N, C-alpha and C. Protein backbone atom coordinates (compact mmCIF):
# COMPACT_ATOMS: atom_id res chain seq x y z
N MET A 1 -2.95 12.68 12.22
CA MET A 1 -2.46 12.21 10.90
C MET A 1 -2.45 10.56 10.92
N ILE A 2 -3.53 10.09 11.38
CA ILE A 2 -3.79 8.63 11.22
C ILE A 2 -4.56 8.25 10.05
N THR A 3 -4.12 7.36 9.33
CA THR A 3 -4.75 6.91 8.09
C THR A 3 -5.19 5.42 8.29
N GLY A 4 -6.12 5.09 7.51
CA GLY A 4 -6.47 3.66 7.45
C GLY A 4 -6.92 3.16 6.06
N SER A 5 -6.89 1.93 5.99
CA SER A 5 -7.46 1.41 4.65
C SER A 5 -7.91 -0.08 4.76
N GLN A 6 -8.68 -0.60 3.85
CA GLN A 6 -9.21 -1.94 3.82
C GLN A 6 -9.02 -2.45 2.34
N ASN A 7 -8.38 -3.53 2.19
CA ASN A 7 -8.37 -4.19 0.76
C ASN A 7 -9.64 -4.79 0.51
N GLU A 8 -9.95 -4.78 -0.71
CA GLU A 8 -11.24 -5.16 -1.38
C GLU A 8 -11.12 -6.78 -1.29
N GLU A 9 -11.83 -7.47 -0.85
CA GLU A 9 -11.82 -9.07 -0.65
C GLU A 9 -12.77 -9.70 -1.53
N ARG A 10 -13.66 -8.95 -2.19
CA ARG A 10 -14.74 -9.59 -3.11
C ARG A 10 -14.15 -9.86 -4.53
N PHE A 11 -13.91 -11.14 -4.93
CA PHE A 11 -13.42 -11.46 -6.31
C PHE A 11 -14.11 -10.83 -7.40
N GLU A 12 -15.48 -10.85 -7.37
CA GLU A 12 -16.29 -10.32 -8.61
C GLU A 12 -16.02 -8.79 -8.73
N ILE A 13 -15.91 -8.01 -7.64
CA ILE A 13 -15.75 -6.61 -7.74
C ILE A 13 -14.17 -6.37 -8.24
N LEU A 14 -13.34 -7.07 -7.81
CA LEU A 14 -11.88 -6.84 -8.15
C LEU A 14 -11.80 -7.17 -9.73
N ASP A 15 -12.32 -8.25 -10.09
CA ASP A 15 -12.26 -8.71 -11.64
C ASP A 15 -12.94 -7.62 -12.44
N ALA A 16 -14.18 -7.06 -11.95
CA ALA A 16 -14.75 -6.14 -12.79
C ALA A 16 -13.89 -4.87 -12.84
N ARG A 17 -13.34 -4.42 -11.69
CA ARG A 17 -12.56 -3.24 -11.68
C ARG A 17 -11.26 -3.24 -12.65
N ILE A 18 -10.65 -4.33 -12.70
CA ILE A 18 -9.52 -4.65 -13.55
C ILE A 18 -10.09 -4.36 -14.95
N GLY A 19 -11.13 -4.98 -15.43
CA GLY A 19 -11.66 -4.71 -16.76
C GLY A 19 -12.06 -3.38 -17.00
N GLU A 20 -12.69 -2.55 -16.10
CA GLU A 20 -13.05 -1.23 -16.28
C GLU A 20 -11.88 -0.28 -16.47
N SER A 21 -10.79 -0.61 -15.63
CA SER A 21 -9.66 0.18 -15.67
C SER A 21 -8.84 0.02 -16.94
N GLY A 22 -9.10 -1.08 -17.81
CA GLY A 22 -8.29 -1.19 -18.98
C GLY A 22 -7.00 -1.97 -18.83
N PHE A 23 -6.97 -2.60 -17.69
CA PHE A 23 -5.64 -3.41 -17.42
C PHE A 23 -5.85 -4.91 -17.96
N THR A 24 -4.76 -5.45 -18.34
CA THR A 24 -4.96 -6.87 -18.87
C THR A 24 -5.01 -7.69 -17.61
N ARG A 25 -5.89 -8.64 -17.70
CA ARG A 25 -6.21 -9.60 -16.63
C ARG A 25 -4.89 -10.45 -16.24
N GLU A 26 -4.27 -10.86 -17.20
CA GLU A 26 -2.98 -11.78 -17.00
C GLU A 26 -2.03 -11.14 -15.92
N LYS A 27 -1.80 -9.79 -15.91
CA LYS A 27 -1.06 -9.10 -15.06
C LYS A 27 -1.38 -9.23 -13.57
N PHE A 28 -2.80 -9.29 -13.31
CA PHE A 28 -3.34 -9.33 -11.91
C PHE A 28 -3.82 -10.72 -11.71
N GLU A 29 -3.48 -11.82 -12.47
CA GLU A 29 -3.97 -13.18 -12.12
C GLU A 29 -3.43 -13.54 -10.89
N TRP A 30 -2.23 -13.36 -10.42
CA TRP A 30 -1.76 -13.76 -9.15
C TRP A 30 -2.49 -13.10 -8.19
N TYR A 31 -2.88 -11.93 -8.08
CA TYR A 31 -3.62 -11.26 -7.03
C TYR A 31 -5.18 -11.73 -7.01
N LEU A 32 -5.57 -12.06 -8.16
CA LEU A 32 -6.97 -12.62 -8.20
C LEU A 32 -7.05 -14.01 -7.61
N ASP A 33 -5.86 -14.80 -7.87
CA ASP A 33 -5.92 -16.15 -7.22
C ASP A 33 -5.93 -16.03 -5.84
N LEU A 34 -5.21 -14.99 -5.14
CA LEU A 34 -5.36 -14.81 -3.73
C LEU A 34 -6.81 -14.65 -3.24
N ARG A 35 -7.52 -13.88 -3.87
CA ARG A 35 -9.06 -13.79 -3.64
C ARG A 35 -9.93 -14.91 -3.97
N ARG A 36 -9.52 -15.54 -5.10
CA ARG A 36 -10.35 -16.54 -5.71
C ARG A 36 -10.40 -17.67 -4.55
N HIS A 37 -9.37 -17.99 -4.03
CA HIS A 37 -9.22 -19.12 -3.18
C HIS A 37 -9.61 -18.84 -1.71
N GLY A 38 -10.04 -17.58 -1.46
CA GLY A 38 -10.49 -17.13 -0.12
C GLY A 38 -9.63 -16.25 0.60
N THR A 39 -10.23 -15.48 1.30
CA THR A 39 -9.34 -14.46 2.14
C THR A 39 -10.21 -14.01 3.27
N VAL A 40 -9.70 -13.34 4.16
CA VAL A 40 -10.37 -12.71 5.31
C VAL A 40 -10.33 -11.35 5.14
N LYS A 41 -11.31 -10.56 5.64
CA LYS A 41 -11.38 -9.10 5.72
C LYS A 41 -10.19 -8.67 6.47
N HIS A 42 -9.46 -7.83 5.99
CA HIS A 42 -8.17 -7.19 6.62
C HIS A 42 -8.11 -5.81 6.42
N SER A 43 -7.58 -5.15 7.31
CA SER A 43 -7.42 -3.58 7.12
C SER A 43 -6.43 -3.19 8.03
N GLY A 44 -5.98 -1.98 7.98
CA GLY A 44 -5.00 -1.57 8.92
C GLY A 44 -4.87 -0.03 9.15
N ILE A 45 -4.18 0.33 10.06
CA ILE A 45 -3.99 1.84 10.36
C ILE A 45 -2.52 2.13 10.31
N SER A 46 -2.31 3.33 10.16
CA SER A 46 -0.85 3.98 10.05
C SER A 46 -0.89 5.21 10.92
N LEU A 47 0.32 5.42 11.72
CA LEU A 47 0.30 6.52 12.49
C LEU A 47 0.88 7.73 11.68
N SER A 48 1.50 7.40 10.48
CA SER A 48 2.23 8.21 9.68
C SER A 48 3.19 9.19 10.29
N MET A 49 4.09 8.57 11.14
CA MET A 49 5.10 9.42 11.91
C MET A 49 5.96 10.34 10.84
N GLU A 50 6.34 9.68 9.73
CA GLU A 50 6.98 10.45 8.71
C GLU A 50 6.34 11.73 8.23
N GLN A 51 5.01 11.73 7.99
CA GLN A 51 4.28 12.73 7.53
C GLN A 51 4.10 13.78 8.72
N MET A 52 3.98 13.27 9.98
CA MET A 52 3.80 14.25 10.97
C MET A 52 5.03 14.99 11.18
N LEU A 53 6.19 14.33 10.96
CA LEU A 53 7.53 15.03 11.17
C LEU A 53 7.71 16.07 10.04
N LEU A 54 7.21 15.54 8.83
CA LEU A 54 7.33 16.52 7.73
C LEU A 54 6.39 17.79 7.92
N TYR A 55 5.19 17.62 8.48
CA TYR A 55 4.37 18.68 8.78
C TYR A 55 4.93 19.59 9.86
N ALA A 56 5.47 18.97 10.99
CA ALA A 56 5.90 19.68 12.13
C ALA A 56 7.26 20.51 11.79
N THR A 57 8.06 19.99 10.99
CA THR A 57 9.33 20.59 10.82
C THR A 57 9.45 21.50 9.54
N GLY A 58 8.39 21.39 8.55
CA GLY A 58 8.48 22.03 7.32
C GLY A 58 9.53 21.59 6.31
N LEU A 59 9.94 20.24 6.41
CA LEU A 59 10.97 19.72 5.58
C LEU A 59 10.38 19.65 4.17
N PRO A 60 11.28 19.88 3.22
CA PRO A 60 10.64 19.85 1.82
C PRO A 60 10.27 18.44 1.24
N ASP A 61 11.06 17.56 1.72
CA ASP A 61 10.76 16.13 1.15
C ASP A 61 10.53 15.10 2.22
N ILE A 62 9.64 14.15 2.15
CA ILE A 62 9.34 13.15 3.18
C ILE A 62 10.55 12.22 3.31
N LYS A 63 11.41 12.10 2.29
CA LYS A 63 12.63 11.29 2.61
C LYS A 63 13.46 11.73 3.64
N ASP A 64 13.45 13.03 3.84
CA ASP A 64 14.24 13.54 4.88
C ASP A 64 13.73 13.31 6.26
N ALA A 65 12.49 13.02 6.36
CA ALA A 65 11.99 12.56 7.79
C ALA A 65 11.86 11.19 8.17
N ILE A 66 12.29 10.27 7.27
CA ILE A 66 12.40 8.79 7.55
C ILE A 66 13.58 8.61 8.27
N PRO A 67 13.56 8.05 9.52
CA PRO A 67 14.62 7.90 10.41
C PRO A 67 15.51 6.77 9.98
N PHE A 68 15.11 5.79 9.39
CA PHE A 68 15.89 4.64 9.01
C PHE A 68 15.86 4.44 7.34
N PRO A 69 16.91 4.00 6.72
CA PRO A 69 16.97 3.73 5.41
C PRO A 69 15.99 2.62 5.09
N ARG A 70 15.39 2.66 3.88
CA ARG A 70 14.48 1.70 3.75
C ARG A 70 14.86 0.78 2.38
N SER A 71 16.23 0.73 2.08
CA SER A 71 16.81 -0.09 1.12
C SER A 71 17.76 -1.17 1.74
N TRP A 72 17.56 -2.29 1.35
CA TRP A 72 18.20 -3.40 1.99
C TRP A 72 19.73 -3.32 1.77
N GLY A 73 20.67 -3.65 2.87
CA GLY A 73 21.93 -3.61 2.72
C GLY A 73 22.68 -2.28 2.71
N LYS A 74 21.94 -1.19 2.82
CA LYS A 74 22.50 0.08 2.60
C LYS A 74 22.91 0.82 3.97
N ALA A 75 22.52 0.13 5.12
CA ALA A 75 22.85 0.81 6.34
C ALA A 75 24.27 0.97 6.73
N ASN A 76 25.12 0.14 6.13
CA ASN A 76 26.52 0.18 6.53
C ASN A 76 27.35 0.98 5.43
N ASN A 77 26.79 1.48 4.51
CA ASN A 77 27.45 2.22 3.45
C ASN A 77 27.62 3.63 3.80
């Protein structure tokens, strides 16, 4: 259950896909600025521990497999 992904770094392709998808360009201008001024190819992998626990235990919801809360400041409540 190892997954991987790579973000698109080519400005022209991102710009074209925003138009093809029917989104307004203004909402994505901040993201296009990141690519317009240059970026490096970056990608990553995930071991998907929560998904592995979900599969192994048969739990009905992935939230039950997450070992730590993912909301800020809620650990002491």
